[in-house]
């Protein structure tokens, strides 16, 4: 009888283990689960950052009406991020016509530049 109780407890414990482990999810820095955002949310976040750069006078006002040109996932080392691009043909320097804003899969701005790298 004692052996039957022990076997039942061990079997029950082992059968619950898969509920606590598994792949296919991520953790934020604080250890909480986060969903990967949809591309529409990523584009919105990038546009808001673009507007903030204008407000902070890091970009001129000609960028304010520019829409997202493209949004692609890019691999940077071991991390995947969104590279959201905005093209402003009013800028005379061709190397500075396309602005890239980088957004993590969870919606955090990670940087911005004119090279896309």
PDB file of N, CA and C in Angstrom:
ATOM      1  N   UNK A   1       0.829  -1.192   0.000  1.00  0.00           N
ATOM      2  CA  UNK A   1       0.000   0.000   0.000  1.00  0.00           C
ATOM      3  C   UNK A   1       0.875   1.257   0.000  1.00  0.00           C
ATOM      4  N   UNK A   2       1.919   1.244   0.857  1.00  0.00           N
ATOM      5  CA  UNK A   2       2.838   2.366   0.949  1.00  0.00           C
ATOM      6  C   UNK A   2       3.534   2.595  -0.401  1.00  0.00           C
ATOM      7  N   UNK A   3       3.894   1.521  -1.070  1.00  0.00           N
ATOM      8  CA  UNK A   3       4.542   1.590  -2.379  1.00  0.00           C
ATOM      9  C   UNK A   3       3.594   2.210  -3.414  1.00  0.00           C
ATOM     10  N   UNK A   4       2.315   1.896  -3.357  1.00  0.00           N
ATOM     11  CA  UNK A   4       1.317   2.423  -4.278  1.00  0.00           C
ATOM     12  C   UNK A   4       1.171   3.937  -4.101  1.00  0.00           C
ATOM     13  N   UNK A   5       1.174   4.430  -2.880  1.00  0.00           N
ATOM     14  CA  UNK A   5       1.048   5.865  -2.604  1.00  0.00           C
ATOM     15  C   UNK A   5       2.258   6.617  -3.157  1.00  0.00           C
ATOM     16  N   UNK A   6       3.469   6.080  -2.909  1.00  0.00           N
ATOM     17  CA  UNK A   6       4.688   6.719  -3.408  1.00  0.00           C
ATOM     18  C   UNK A   6       4.683   6.763  -4.940  1.00  0.00           C
ATOM     19  N   UNK A   7       4.302   5.661  -5.561  1.00  0.00           N
ATOM     20  CA  UNK A   7       4.267   5.601  -7.023  1.00  0.00           C
ATOM     21  C   UNK A   7       3.271   6.613  -7.576  1.00  0.00           C
ATOM     22  N   UNK A   8       2.123   6.744  -6.962  1.00  0.00           N
ATOM     23  CA  UNK A   8       1.097   7.690  -7.399  1.00  0.00           C
ATOM     24  C   UNK A   8       1.604   9.126  -7.281  1.00  0.00           C
ATOM     25  N   UNK A   9       2.262   9.452  -6.175  1.00  0.00           N
ATOM     26  CA  UNK A   9       2.780  10.808  -5.976  1.00  0.00           C
ATOM     27  C   UNK A   9       3.866  11.123  -6.994  1.00  0.00           C
ATOM     28  N   UNK A  10       4.778  10.217  -7.240  1.00  0.00           N
ATOM     29  CA  UNK A  10       5.859  10.432  -8.206  1.00  0.00           C
ATOM     30  C   UNK A  10       5.291  10.584  -9.610  1.00  0.00           C
ATOM     31  N   UNK A  11       4.335   9.730  -9.972  1.00  0.00           N
ATOM     32  CA  UNK A  11       3.722   9.806 -11.301  1.00  0.00           C
ATOM     33  C   UNK A  11       2.999  11.133 -11.491  1.00  0.00           C
ATOM     34  N   UNK A  12       2.262  11.559 -10.479  1.00  0.00           N
ATOM     35  CA  UNK A  12       1.536  12.832 -10.564  1.00  0.00           C
ATOM     36  C   UNK A  12       2.526  13.992 -10.695  1.00  0.00           C
ATOM     37  N   UNK A  13       3.597  13.951  -9.929  1.00  0.00           N
ATOM     38  CA  UNK A  13       4.605  15.009 -10.001  1.00  0.00           C
ATOM     39  C   UNK A  13       5.264  15.091 -11.362  1.00  0.00           C
ATOM     40  N   UNK A  14       5.611  13.966 -11.931  1.00  0.00           N
ATOM     41  CA  UNK A  14       6.243  13.949 -13.244  1.00  0.00           C
ATOM     42  C   UNK A  14       5.294  14.357 -14.359  1.00  0.00           C
ATOM     43  N   UNK A  15       4.043  14.050 -14.211  1.00  0.00           N
ATOM     44  CA  UNK A  15       3.086  14.410 -15.258  1.00  0.00           C
ATOM     45  C   UNK A  15       2.813  15.908 -15.277  1.00  0.00           C
ATOM     46  N   UNK A  16       3.048  16.617 -14.186  1.00  0.00           N
ATOM     47  CA  UNK A  16       2.833  18.064 -14.135  1.00  0.00           C
ATOM     48  C   UNK A  16       4.041  18.852 -14.627  1.00  0.00           C
ATOM     49  N   UNK A  17       5.192  18.238 -14.708  1.00  0.00           N
ATOM     50  CA  UNK A  17       6.414  18.928 -15.098  1.00  0.00           C
ATOM     51  C   UNK A  17       6.307  19.651 -16.442  1.00  0.00           C
ATOM     52  N   UNK A  18       5.732  19.082 -17.492  1.00  0.00           N
ATOM     53  CA  UNK A  18       5.651  19.794 -18.764  1.00  0.00           C
ATOM     54  C   UNK A  18       4.851  21.095 -18.694  1.00  0.00           C
ATOM     55  N   UNK A  19       4.017  21.256 -17.712  1.00  0.00           N
ATOM     56  CA  UNK A  19       3.257  22.492 -17.574  1.00  0.00           C
ATOM     57  C   UNK A  19       4.151  23.670 -17.212  1.00  0.00           C
ATOM     58  N   UNK A  20       5.302  23.409 -16.634  1.00  0.00           N
ATOM     59  CA  UNK A  20       6.163  24.479 -16.166  1.00  0.00           C
ATOM     60  C   UNK A  20       7.361  24.733 -17.065  1.00  0.00           C
ATOM     61  N   UNK A  21       7.576  23.914 -18.050  1.00  0.00           N
ATOM     62  CA  UNK A  21       8.721  24.079 -18.937  1.00  0.00           C
ATOM     63  C   UNK A  21       8.237  24.139 -20.365  1.00  0.00           C
ATOM     64  N   UNK A  22       9.038  24.745 -21.207  1.00  0.00           N
ATOM     65  CA  UNK A  22       8.685  24.779 -22.615  1.00  0.00           C
ATOM     66  C   UNK A  22       9.400  25.887 -23.330  1.00  0.00           C
ATOM     67  N   UNK A  23       9.475  25.753 -24.639  1.00  0.00           N
ATOM     68  CA  UNK A  23      10.128  26.763 -25.465  1.00  0.00           C
ATOM     69  C   UNK A  23       9.052  27.601 -26.139  1.00  0.00           C
ATOM     70  N   UNK A  24       9.508  28.548 -26.951  1.00  0.00           N
ATOM     71  CA  UNK A  24       8.568  29.342 -27.727  1.00  0.00           C
ATOM     72  C   UNK A  24       8.020  30.541 -26.996  1.00  0.00           C
ATOM     73  N   UNK A  25       8.690  30.960 -25.957  1.00  0.00           N
ATOM     74  CA  UNK A  25       8.285  32.170 -25.274  1.00  0.00           C
ATOM     75  C   UNK A  25       9.518  32.940 -24.884  1.00  0.00           C
ATOM     76  N   UNK A  26       9.330  34.211 -24.565  1.00  0.00           N
ATOM     77  CA  UNK A  26      10.486  35.024 -24.201  1.00  0.00           C
ATOM     78  C   UNK A  26      10.224  35.711 -22.884  1.00  0.00           C
ATOM     79  N   UNK A  27      11.300  36.197 -22.323  1.00  0.00           N
ATOM     80  CA  UNK A  27      11.220  36.920 -21.068  1.00  0.00           C
ATOM     81  C   UNK A  27      11.781  38.306 -21.275  1.00  0.00           C
ATOM     82  N   UNK A  28      11.183  39.285 -20.628  1.00  0.00           N
ATOM     83  CA  UNK A  28      11.761  40.607 -20.647  1.00  0.00           C
ATOM     84  C   UNK A  28      12.908  40.639 -19.657  1.00  0.00           C
ATOM     85  N   UNK A  29      13.555  41.788 -19.540  1.00  0.00           N
ATOM     86  CA  UNK A  29      14.676  41.891 -18.622  1.00  0.00           C
ATOM     87  C   UNK A  29      14.257  41.583 -17.197  1.00  0.00           C
ATOM     88  N   UNK A  30      13.011  41.876 -16.853  1.00  0.00           N
ATOM     89  CA  UNK A  30      12.522  41.624 -15.502  1.00  0.00           C
ATOM     90  C   UNK A  30      12.032  40.205 -15.303  1.00  0.00           C
ATOM     91  N   UNK A  31      12.063  39.373 -16.355  1.00  0.00           N
ATOM     92  CA  UNK A  31      11.659  37.985 -16.242  1.00  0.00           C
ATOM     93  C   UNK A  31      10.188  37.747 -16.535  1.00  0.00           C
ATOM     94  N   UNK A  32       9.457  38.781 -16.948  1.00  0.00           N
ATOM     95  CA  UNK A  32       8.032  38.629 -17.239  1.00  0.00           C
ATOM     96  C   UNK A  32       7.852  38.266 -18.709  1.00  0.00           C
ATOM     97  N   UNK A  33       6.818  37.526 -19.011  1.00  0.00           N
ATOM     98  CA  UNK A  33       6.532  37.138 -20.390  1.00  0.00           C
ATOM     99  C   UNK A  33       6.065  38.357 -21.168  1.00  0.00           C
ATOM    100  N   UNK A  34       6.489  38.441 -22.429  1.00  0.00           N
ATOM    101  CA  UNK A  34       6.051  39.503 -23.321  1.00  0.00           C
ATOM    102  C   UNK A  34       5.706  38.909 -24.668  1.00  0.00           C
ATOM    103  N   UNK A  35       4.667  39.422 -25.261  1.00  0.00           N
ATOM    104  CA  UNK A  35       4.270  38.997 -26.595  1.00  0.00           C
ATOM    105  C   UNK A  35       5.040  39.808 -27.624  1.00  0.00           C
ATOM    106  N   UNK A  36       5.377  39.205 -28.735  1.00  0.00           N
ATOM    107  CA  UNK A  36       5.953  39.938 -29.847  1.00  0.00           C
ATOM    108  C   UNK A  36       4.844  40.791 -30.458  1.00  0.00           C
ATOM    109  N   UNK A  37       5.150  42.059 -30.715  1.00  0.00           N
ATOM    110  CA  UNK A  37       4.146  42.974 -31.240  1.00  0.00           C
ATOM    111  C   UNK A  37       3.918  42.771 -32.734  1.00  0.00           C
ATOM    112  N   UNK A  38       2.746  43.145 -33.181  1.00  0.00           N
ATOM    113  CA  UNK A  38       2.413  43.095 -34.606  1.00  0.00           C
ATOM    114  C   UNK A  38       3.134  44.226 -35.315  1.00  0.00           C
ATOM    115  N   UNK A  39       3.328  44.066 -36.610  1.00  0.00           N
ATOM    116  CA  UNK A  39       4.051  45.054 -37.398  1.00  0.00           C
ATOM    117  C   UNK A  39       3.359  46.423 -37.347  1.00  0.00           C
ATOM    118  N   UNK A  40       2.046  46.455 -37.263  1.00  0.00           N
ATOM    119  CA  UNK A  40       1.343  47.748 -37.191  1.00  0.00           C
ATOM    120  C   UNK A  40       1.723  48.502 -35.917  1.00  0.00           C
ATOM    121  N   UNK A  41       1.892  47.805 -34.817  1.00  0.00           N
ATOM    122  CA  UNK A  41       2.311  48.438 -33.560  1.00  0.00           C
ATOM    123  C   UNK A  41       3.759  48.899 -33.636  1.00  0.00           C
ATOM    124  N   UNK A  42       4.591  48.111 -34.301  1.00  0.00           N
ATOM    125  CA  UNK A  42       6.003  48.479 -34.472  1.00  0.00           C
ATOM    126  C   UNK A  42       6.108  49.754 -35.303  1.00  0.00           C
ATOM    127  N   UNK A  43       5.338  49.835 -36.391  1.00  0.00           N
ATOM    128  CA  UNK A  43       5.350  51.030 -37.237  1.00  0.00           C
ATOM    129  C   UNK A  43       4.870  52.254 -36.465  1.00  0.00           C
ATOM    130  N   UNK A  44       3.831  52.088 -35.669  1.00  0.00           N
ATOM    131  CA  UNK A  44       3.312  53.188 -34.862  1.00  0.00           C
ATOM    132  C   UNK A  44       4.374  53.680 -33.874  1.00  0.00           C
ATOM    133  N   UNK A  45       5.041  52.754 -33.207  1.00  0.00           N
ATOM    134  CA  UNK A  45       6.086  53.109 -32.240  1.00  0.00           C
ATOM    135  C   UNK A  45       7.216  53.864 -32.928  1.00  0.00           C
ATOM    136  N   UNK A  46       7.626  53.391 -34.102  1.00  0.00           N
ATOM    137  CA  UNK A  46       8.695  54.062 -34.846  1.00  0.00           C
ATOM    138  C   UNK A  46       8.274  55.466 -35.265  1.00  0.00           C
ATOM    139  N   UNK A  47       7.039  55.632 -35.707  1.00  0.00           N
ATOM    140  CA  UNK A  47       6.544  56.958 -36.113  1.00  0.00           C
ATOM    141  C   UNK A  47       6.529  57.901 -34.917  1.00  0.00           C
ATOM    142  N   UNK A  48       6.120  57.410 -33.758  1.00  0.00           N
ATOM    143  CA  UNK A  48       6.124  58.243 -32.552  1.00  0.00           C
ATOM    144  C   UNK A  48       7.542  58.671 -32.195  1.00  0.00           C
ATOM    145  N   UNK A  49       8.506  57.780 -32.393  1.00  0.00           N
ATOM    146  CA  UNK A  49       9.903  58.126 -32.121  1.00  0.00           C
ATOM    147  C   UNK A  49      10.397  59.165 -33.134  1.00  0.00           C
ATOM    148  N   UNK A  50      10.002  59.020 -34.389  1.00  0.00           N
ATOM    149  CA  UNK A  50      10.343  60.005 -35.410  1.00  0.00           C
ATOM    150  C   UNK A  50       9.837  61.386 -34.998  1.00  0.00           C
ATOM    151  N   UNK A  51       8.601  61.457 -34.552  1.00  0.00           N
ATOM    152  CA  UNK A  51       8.022  62.737 -34.113  1.00  0.00           C
ATOM    153  C   UNK A  51       8.769  63.298 -32.907  1.00  0.00           C
ATOM    154  N   UNK A  52       9.231  62.412 -32.027  1.00  0.00           N
ATOM    155  CA  UNK A  52      10.004  62.860 -30.866  1.00  0.00           C
ATOM    156  C   UNK A  52      11.362  63.424 -31.302  1.00  0.00           C
ATOM    157  N   UNK A  53      11.980  62.805 -32.303  1.00  0.00           N
ATOM    158  CA  UNK A  53      13.249  63.323 -32.823  1.00  0.00           C
ATOM    159  C   UNK A  53      13.066  64.723 -33.418  1.00  0.00           C
ATOM    160  N   UNK A  54      11.932  64.959 -34.048  1.00  0.00           N
ATOM    161  CA  UNK A  54      11.619  66.292 -34.586  1.00  0.00           C
ATOM    162  C   UNK A  54      11.431  67.272 -33.438  1.00  0.00           C
ATOM    163  N   UNK A  55      10.672  66.867 -32.441  1.00  0.00           N
ATOM    164  CA  UNK A  55      10.420  67.721 -31.279  1.00  0.00           C
ATOM    165  C   UNK A  55      11.721  68.072 -30.554  1.00  0.00           C
ATOM    166  N   UNK A  56      12.640  67.098 -30.486  1.00  0.00           N
ATOM    167  CA  UNK A  56      13.932  67.305 -29.829  1.00  0.00           C
ATOM    168  C   UNK A  56      14.925  68.037 -30.725  1.00  0.00           C
ATOM    169  N   UNK A  57      14.460  68.448 -31.928  1.00  0.00           N
ATOM    170  CA  UNK A  57      15.273  69.186 -32.896  1.00  0.00           C
ATOM    171  C   UNK A  57      16.467  68.389 -33.432  1.00  0.00           C
ATOM    172  N   UNK A  58      16.343  67.060 -33.427  1.00  0.00           N
ATOM    173  CA  UNK A  58      17.382  66.211 -34.014  1.00  0.00           C
ATOM    174  C   UNK A  58      17.112  65.992 -35.501  1.00  0.00           C
ATOM    175  N   UNK A  59      15.869  66.229 -35.901  1.00  0.00           N
ATOM    176  CA  UNK A  59      15.463  66.205 -37.305  1.00  0.00           C
ATOM    177  C   UNK A  59      14.655  67.464 -37.577  1.00  0.00           C
ATOM    178  N   UNK A  60      14.701  67.953 -38.833  1.00  0.00           N
ATOM    179  CA  UNK A  60      13.901  69.144 -39.137  1.00  0.00           C
ATOM    180  C   UNK A  60      12.441  68.768 -39.409  1.00  0.00           C
ATOM    181  N   UNK A  61      11.609  69.772 -39.493  1.00  0.00           N
ATOM    182  CA  UNK A  61      10.160  69.573 -39.635  1.00  0.00           C
ATOM    183  C   UNK A  61       9.746  68.894 -40.931  1.00  0.00           C
ATOM    184  N   UNK A  62      10.635  68.846 -41.925  1.00  0.00           N
ATOM    185  CA  UNK A  62      10.267  68.206 -43.197  1.00  0.00           C
ATOM    186  C   UNK A  62       9.977  66.711 -43.017  1.00  0.00           C
ATOM    187  N   UNK A  63      10.413  66.139 -41.902  1.00  0.00           N
ATOM    188  CA  UNK A  63      10.169  64.719 -41.619  1.00  0.00           C
ATOM    189  C   UNK A  63       8.781  64.467 -41.025  1.00  0.00           C
ATOM    190  N   UNK A  64       8.083  65.490 -40.600  1.00  0.00           N
ATOM    191  CA  UNK A  64       6.844  65.285 -39.824  1.00  0.00           C
ATOM    192  C   UNK A  64       5.719  64.595 -40.588  1.00  0.00           C
ATOM    193  N   UNK A  65       5.644  64.792 -41.895  1.00  0.00           N
ATOM    194  CA  UNK A  65       4.568  64.170 -42.676  1.00  0.00           C
ATOM    195  C   UNK A  65       5.008  62.909 -43.410  1.00  0.00           C
ATOM    196  N   UNK A  66       6.199  62.420 -43.109  1.00  0.00           N
ATOM    197  CA  UNK A  66       6.736  61.241 -43.786  1.00  0.00           C
ATOM    198  C   UNK A  66       6.121  59.975 -43.176  1.00  0.00           C
ATOM    199  N   UNK A  67       5.652  59.092 -44.053  1.00  0.00           N
ATOM    200  CA  UNK A  67       5.083  57.817 -43.607  1.00  0.00           C
ATOM    201  C   UNK A  67       6.158  56.737 -43.621  1.00  0.00           C
ATOM    202  N   UNK A  68       5.859  55.637 -42.979  1.00  0.00           N
ATOM    203  CA  UNK A  68       6.764  54.490 -42.990  1.00  0.00           C
ATOM    204  C   UNK A  68       6.922  54.006 -44.425  1.00  0.00           C
ATOM    205  N   UNK A  69       8.158  53.863 -44.844  1.00  0.00           N
ATOM    206  CA  UNK A  69       8.423  53.324 -46.172  1.00  0.00           C
ATOM    207  C   UNK A  69       8.440  51.796 -46.130  1.00  0.00           C
ATOM    208  N   UNK A  70       9.103  51.242 -45.093  1.00  0.00           N
ATOM    209  CA  UNK A  70       9.246  49.797 -45.003  1.00  0.00           C
ATOM    210  C   UNK A  70       9.523  49.400 -43.555  1.00  0.00           C
ATOM    211  N   UNK A  71       9.221  48.167 -43.233  1.00  0.00           N
ATOM    212  CA  UNK A  71       9.539  47.599 -41.913  1.00  0.00           C
ATOM    213  C   UNK A  71       9.935  46.152 -42.130  1.00  0.00           C
ATOM    214  N   UNK A  72      11.187  45.859 -41.757  1.00  0.00           N
ATOM    215  CA  UNK A  72      11.708  44.507 -41.943  1.00  0.00           C
ATOM    216  C   UNK A  72      12.402  44.054 -40.679  1.00  0.00           C
ATOM    217  N   UNK A  73      12.306  42.757 -40.411  1.00  0.00           N
ATOM    218  CA  UNK A  73      13.063  42.183 -39.304  1.00  0.00           C
ATOM    219  C   UNK A  73      14.503  41.991 -39.781  1.00  0.00           C
ATOM    220  N   UNK A  74      15.449  42.385 -38.918  1.00  0.00           N
ATOM    221  CA  UNK A  74      16.864  42.216 -39.229  1.00  0.00           C
ATOM    222  C   UNK A  74      17.556  41.533 -38.061  1.00  0.00           C
ATOM    223  N   UNK A  75      18.553  40.763 -38.394  1.00  0.00           N
ATOM    224  CA  UNK A  75      19.334  40.058 -37.387  1.00  0.00           C
ATOM    225  C   UNK A  75      20.571  40.890 -37.053  1.00  0.00           C
ATOM    226  N   UNK A  76      20.769  41.194 -35.776  1.00  0.00           N
ATOM    227  CA  UNK A  76      21.943  41.900 -35.291  1.00  0.00           C
ATOM    228  C   UNK A  76      22.593  41.015 -34.240  1.00  0.00           C
ATOM    229  N   UNK A  77      23.630  40.295 -34.641  1.00  0.00           N
ATOM    230  CA  UNK A  77      24.249  39.342 -33.722  1.00  0.00           C
ATOM    231  C   UNK A  77      23.253  38.246 -33.397  1.00  0.00           C
ATOM    232  N   UNK A  78      22.945  38.089 -32.128  1.00  0.00           N
ATOM    233  CA  UNK A  78      21.984  37.074 -31.689  1.00  0.00           C
ATOM    234  C   UNK A  78      20.578  37.643 -31.521  1.00  0.00           C
ATOM    235  N   UNK A  79      20.393  38.933 -31.822  1.00  0.00           N
ATOM    236  CA  UNK A  79      19.107  39.588 -31.599  1.00  0.00           C
ATOM    237  C   UNK A  79      18.428  39.936 -32.919  1.00  0.00           C
ATOM    238  N   UNK A  80      17.138  39.757 -32.950  1.00  0.00           N
ATOM    239  CA  UNK A  80      16.335  40.174 -34.090  1.00  0.00           C
ATOM    240  C   UNK A  80      15.581  41.434 -33.689  1.00  0.00           C
ATOM    241  N   UNK A  81      15.598  42.418 -34.567  1.00  0.00           N
ATOM    242  CA  UNK A  81      14.892  43.674 -34.337  1.00  0.00           C
ATOM    243  C   UNK A  81      14.182  44.079 -35.626  1.00  0.00           C
ATOM    244  N   UNK A  82      13.281  45.017 -35.480  1.00  0.00           N
ATOM    245  CA  UNK A  82      12.641  45.627 -36.631  1.00  0.00           C
ATOM    246  C   UNK A  82      13.468  46.822 -37.059  1.00  0.00           C
ATOM    247  N   UNK A  83      13.697  46.967 -38.353  1.00  0.00           N
ATOM    248  CA  UNK A  83      14.291  48.158 -38.938  1.00  0.00           C
ATOM    249  C   UNK A  83      13.167  48.833 -39.723  1.00  0.00           C
ATOM    250  N   UNK A  84      12.711  49.967 -39.207  1.00  0.00           N
ATOM    251  CA  UNK A  84      11.610  50.695 -39.830  1.00  0.00           C
ATOM    252  C   UNK A  84      12.219  51.896 -40.557  1.00  0.00           C
ATOM    253  N   UNK A  85      11.950  52.005 -41.845  1.00  0.00           N
ATOM    254  CA  UNK A  85      12.566  53.076 -42.626  1.00  0.00           C
ATOM    255  C   UNK A  85      11.555  54.145 -43.030  1.00  0.00           C
ATOM    256  N   UNK A  86      12.069  55.364 -43.091  1.00  0.00           N
ATOM    257  CA  UNK A  86      11.319  56.539 -43.520  1.00  0.00           C
ATOM    258  C   UNK A  86      12.180  57.235 -44.569  1.00  0.00           C
ATOM    259  N   UNK A  87      11.602  57.581 -45.710  1.00  0.00           N
ATOM    260  CA  UNK A  87      12.377  58.255 -46.764  1.00  0.00           C
ATOM    261  C   UNK A  87      11.837  59.659 -46.972  1.00  0.00           C
ATOM    262  N   UNK A  88      12.775  60.618 -46.900  1.00  0.00           N
ATOM    263  CA  UNK A  88      12.438  62.030 -47.073  1.00  0.00           C
ATOM    264  C   UNK A  88      13.239  62.567 -48.259  1.00  0.00           C
ATOM    265  N   UNK A  89      12.594  62.667 -49.426  1.00  0.00           N
ATOM    266  CA  UNK A  89      13.279  63.109 -50.645  1.00  0.00           C
ATOM    267  C   UNK A  89      13.586  64.610 -50.629  1.00  0.00           C
ATOM    268  N   UNK A  90      13.062  65.349 -49.646  1.00  0.00           N
ATOM    269  CA  UNK A  90      13.373  66.777 -49.530  1.00  0.00           C
ATOM    270  C   UNK A  90      14.783  67.018 -48.985  1.00  0.00           C
ATOM    271  N   UNK A  91      15.374  66.003 -48.366  1.00  0.00           N
ATOM    272  CA  UNK A  91      16.729  66.138 -47.828  1.00  0.00           C
ATOM    273  C   UNK A  91      17.709  66.101 -48.995  1.00  0.00           C
ATOM    274  N   UNK A  92      18.593  67.108 -49.068  1.00  0.00           N
ATOM    275  CA  UNK A  92      19.515  67.219 -50.199  1.00  0.00           C
ATOM    276  C   UNK A  92      20.608  66.163 -50.181  1.00  0.00           C
ATOM    277  N   UNK A  93      21.112  65.803 -49.008  1.00  0.00           N
ATOM    278  CA  UNK A  93      22.164  64.792 -48.888  1.00  0.00           C
ATOM    279  C   UNK A  93      21.529  63.407 -49.057  1.00  0.00           C
ATOM    280  N   UNK A  94      21.833  62.746 -50.168  1.00  0.00           N
ATOM    281  CA  UNK A  94      21.218  61.442 -50.484  1.00  0.00           C
ATOM    282  C   UNK A  94      21.482  60.408 -49.391  1.00  0.00           C
ATOM    283  N   UNK A  95      22.612  60.508 -48.710  1.00  0.00           N
ATOM    284  CA  UNK A  95      22.941  59.560 -47.636  1.00  0.00           C
ATOM    285  C   UNK A  95      22.076  59.765 -46.395  1.00  0.00           C
ATOM    286  N   UNK A  96      21.366  60.886 -46.325  1.00  0.00           N
ATOM    287  CA  UNK A  96      20.533  61.168 -45.160  1.00  0.00           C
ATOM    288  C   UNK A  96      19.043  61.264 -45.511  1.00  0.00           C
ATOM    289  N   UNK A  97      18.676  60.736 -46.670  1.00  0.00           N
ATOM    290  CA  UNK A  97      17.270  60.750 -47.073  1.00  0.00           C
ATOM    291  C   UNK A  97      16.470  59.629 -46.425  1.00  0.00           C
ATOM    292  N   UNK A  98      17.130  58.529 -46.068  1.00  0.00           N
ATOM    293  CA  UNK A  98      16.431  57.407 -45.456  1.00  0.00           C
ATOM    294  C   UNK A  98      16.870  57.265 -44.004  1.00  0.00           C
ATOM    295  N   UNK A  99      15.908  57.374 -43.114  1.00  0.00           N
ATOM    296  CA  UNK A  99      16.149  57.218 -41.680  1.00  0.00           C
ATOM    297  C   UNK A  99      15.643  55.849 -41.260  1.00  0.00           C
ATOM    298  N   UNK A 100      16.457  55.133 -40.509  1.00  0.00           N
ATOM    299  CA  UNK A 100      16.076  53.828 -39.963  1.00  0.00           C
ATOM    300  C   UNK A 100      15.895  53.962 -38.467  1.00  0.00           C
ATOM    301  N   UNK A 101      14.765  53.506 -37.988  1.00  0.00           N
ATOM    302  CA  UNK A 101      14.511  53.458 -36.552  1.00  0.00           C
ATOM    303  C   UNK A 101      14.388  51.992 -36.185  1.00  0.00           C
ATOM    304  N   UNK A 102      15.165  51.597 -35.189  1.00  0.00           N
ATOM    305  CA  UNK A 102      15.222  50.200 -34.777  1.00  0.00           C
ATOM    306  C   UNK A 102      14.359  49.988 -33.545  1.00  0.00           C
ATOM    307  N   UNK A 103      13.533  48.944 -33.626  1.00  0.00           N
ATOM    308  CA  UNK A 103      12.575  48.646 -32.563  1.00  0.00           C
ATOM    309  C   UNK A 103      12.699  47.165 -32.213  1.00  0.00           C
ATOM    310  N   UNK A 104      12.771  46.873 -30.921  1.00  0.00           N
ATOM    311  CA  UNK A 104      12.825  45.468 -30.500  1.00  0.00           C
ATOM    312  C   UNK A 104      11.512  44.784 -30.858  1.00  0.00           C
ATOM    313  N   UNK A 105      11.499  43.471 -30.819  1.00  0.00           N
ATOM    314  CA  UNK A 105      10.286  42.711 -31.134  1.00  0.00           C
ATOM    315  C   UNK A 105       9.150  43.028 -30.171  1.00  0.00           C
ATOM    316  N   UNK A 106       9.507  43.604 -29.024  1.00  0.00           N
ATOM    317  CA  UNK A 106       8.515  43.908 -27.993  1.00  0.00           C
ATOM    318  C   UNK A 106       8.186  45.398 -27.910  1.00  0.00           C
ATOM    319  N   UNK A 107       8.711  46.198 -28.861  1.00  0.00           N
ATOM    320  CA  UNK A 107       8.309  47.593 -28.967  1.00  0.00           C
ATOM    321  C   UNK A 107       9.219  48.616 -28.315  1.00  0.00           C
ATOM    322  N   UNK A 108      10.415  48.246 -27.938  1.00  0.00           N
ATOM    323  CA  UNK A 108      11.344  49.191 -27.333  1.00  0.00           C
ATOM    324  C   UNK A 108      12.254  49.765 -28.420  1.00  0.00           C
ATOM    325  N   UNK A 109      12.385  51.096 -28.453  1.00  0.00           N
ATOM    326  CA  UNK A 109      13.277  51.742 -29.402  1.00  0.00           C
ATOM    327  C   UNK A 109      14.711  51.410 -29.007  1.00  0.00           C
ATOM    328  N   UNK A 110      15.497  50.916 -29.974  1.00  0.00           N
ATOM    329  CA  UNK A 110      16.882  50.549 -29.674  1.00  0.00           C
ATOM    330  C   UNK A 110      17.886  51.447 -30.375  1.00  0.00           C
ATOM    331  N   UNK A 111      17.421  52.289 -31.292  1.00  0.00           N
ATOM    332  CA  UNK A 111      18.336  53.197 -31.961  1.00  0.00           C
ATOM    333  C   UNK A 111      17.756  53.750 -33.241  1.00  0.00           C
ATOM    334  N   UNK A 112      18.516  54.656 -33.856  1.00  0.00           N
ATOM    335  CA  UNK A 112      18.115  55.242 -35.130  1.00  0.00           C
ATOM    336  C   UNK A 112      19.380  55.712 -35.825  1.00  0.00           C
ATOM    337  N   UNK A 113      19.393  55.575 -37.173  1.00  0.00           N
ATOM    338  CA  UNK A 113      20.524  56.086 -37.950  1.00  0.00           C
ATOM    339  C   UNK A 113      20.132  56.159 -39.420  1.00  0.00           C
ATOM    340  N   UNK A 114      21.089  56.638 -40.227  1.00  0.00           N
ATOM    341  CA  UNK A 114      20.859  56.761 -41.661  1.00  0.00           C
ATOM    342  C   UNK A 114      21.500  55.636 -42.466  1.00  0.00           C
ATOM    343  N   UNK A 115      22.099  54.668 -41.802  1.00  0.00           N
ATOM    344  CA  UNK A 115      22.780  53.586 -42.524  1.00  0.00           C
ATOM    345  C   UNK A 115      21.982  52.282 -42.566  1.00  0.00           C
ATOM    346  N   UNK A 116      21.136  52.055 -41.588  1.00  0.00           N
ATOM    347  CA  UNK A 116      20.376  50.805 -41.517  1.00  0.00           C
ATOM    348  C   UNK A 116      21.163  49.673 -40.900  1.00  0.00           C
ATOM    349  N   UNK A 117      22.332  50.005 -40.346  1.00  0.00           N
ATOM    350  CA  UNK A 117      23.184  48.984 -39.738  1.00  0.00           C
ATOM    351  C   UNK A 117      23.294  49.193 -38.238  1.00  0.00           C
TER     352      UNK A 117
END
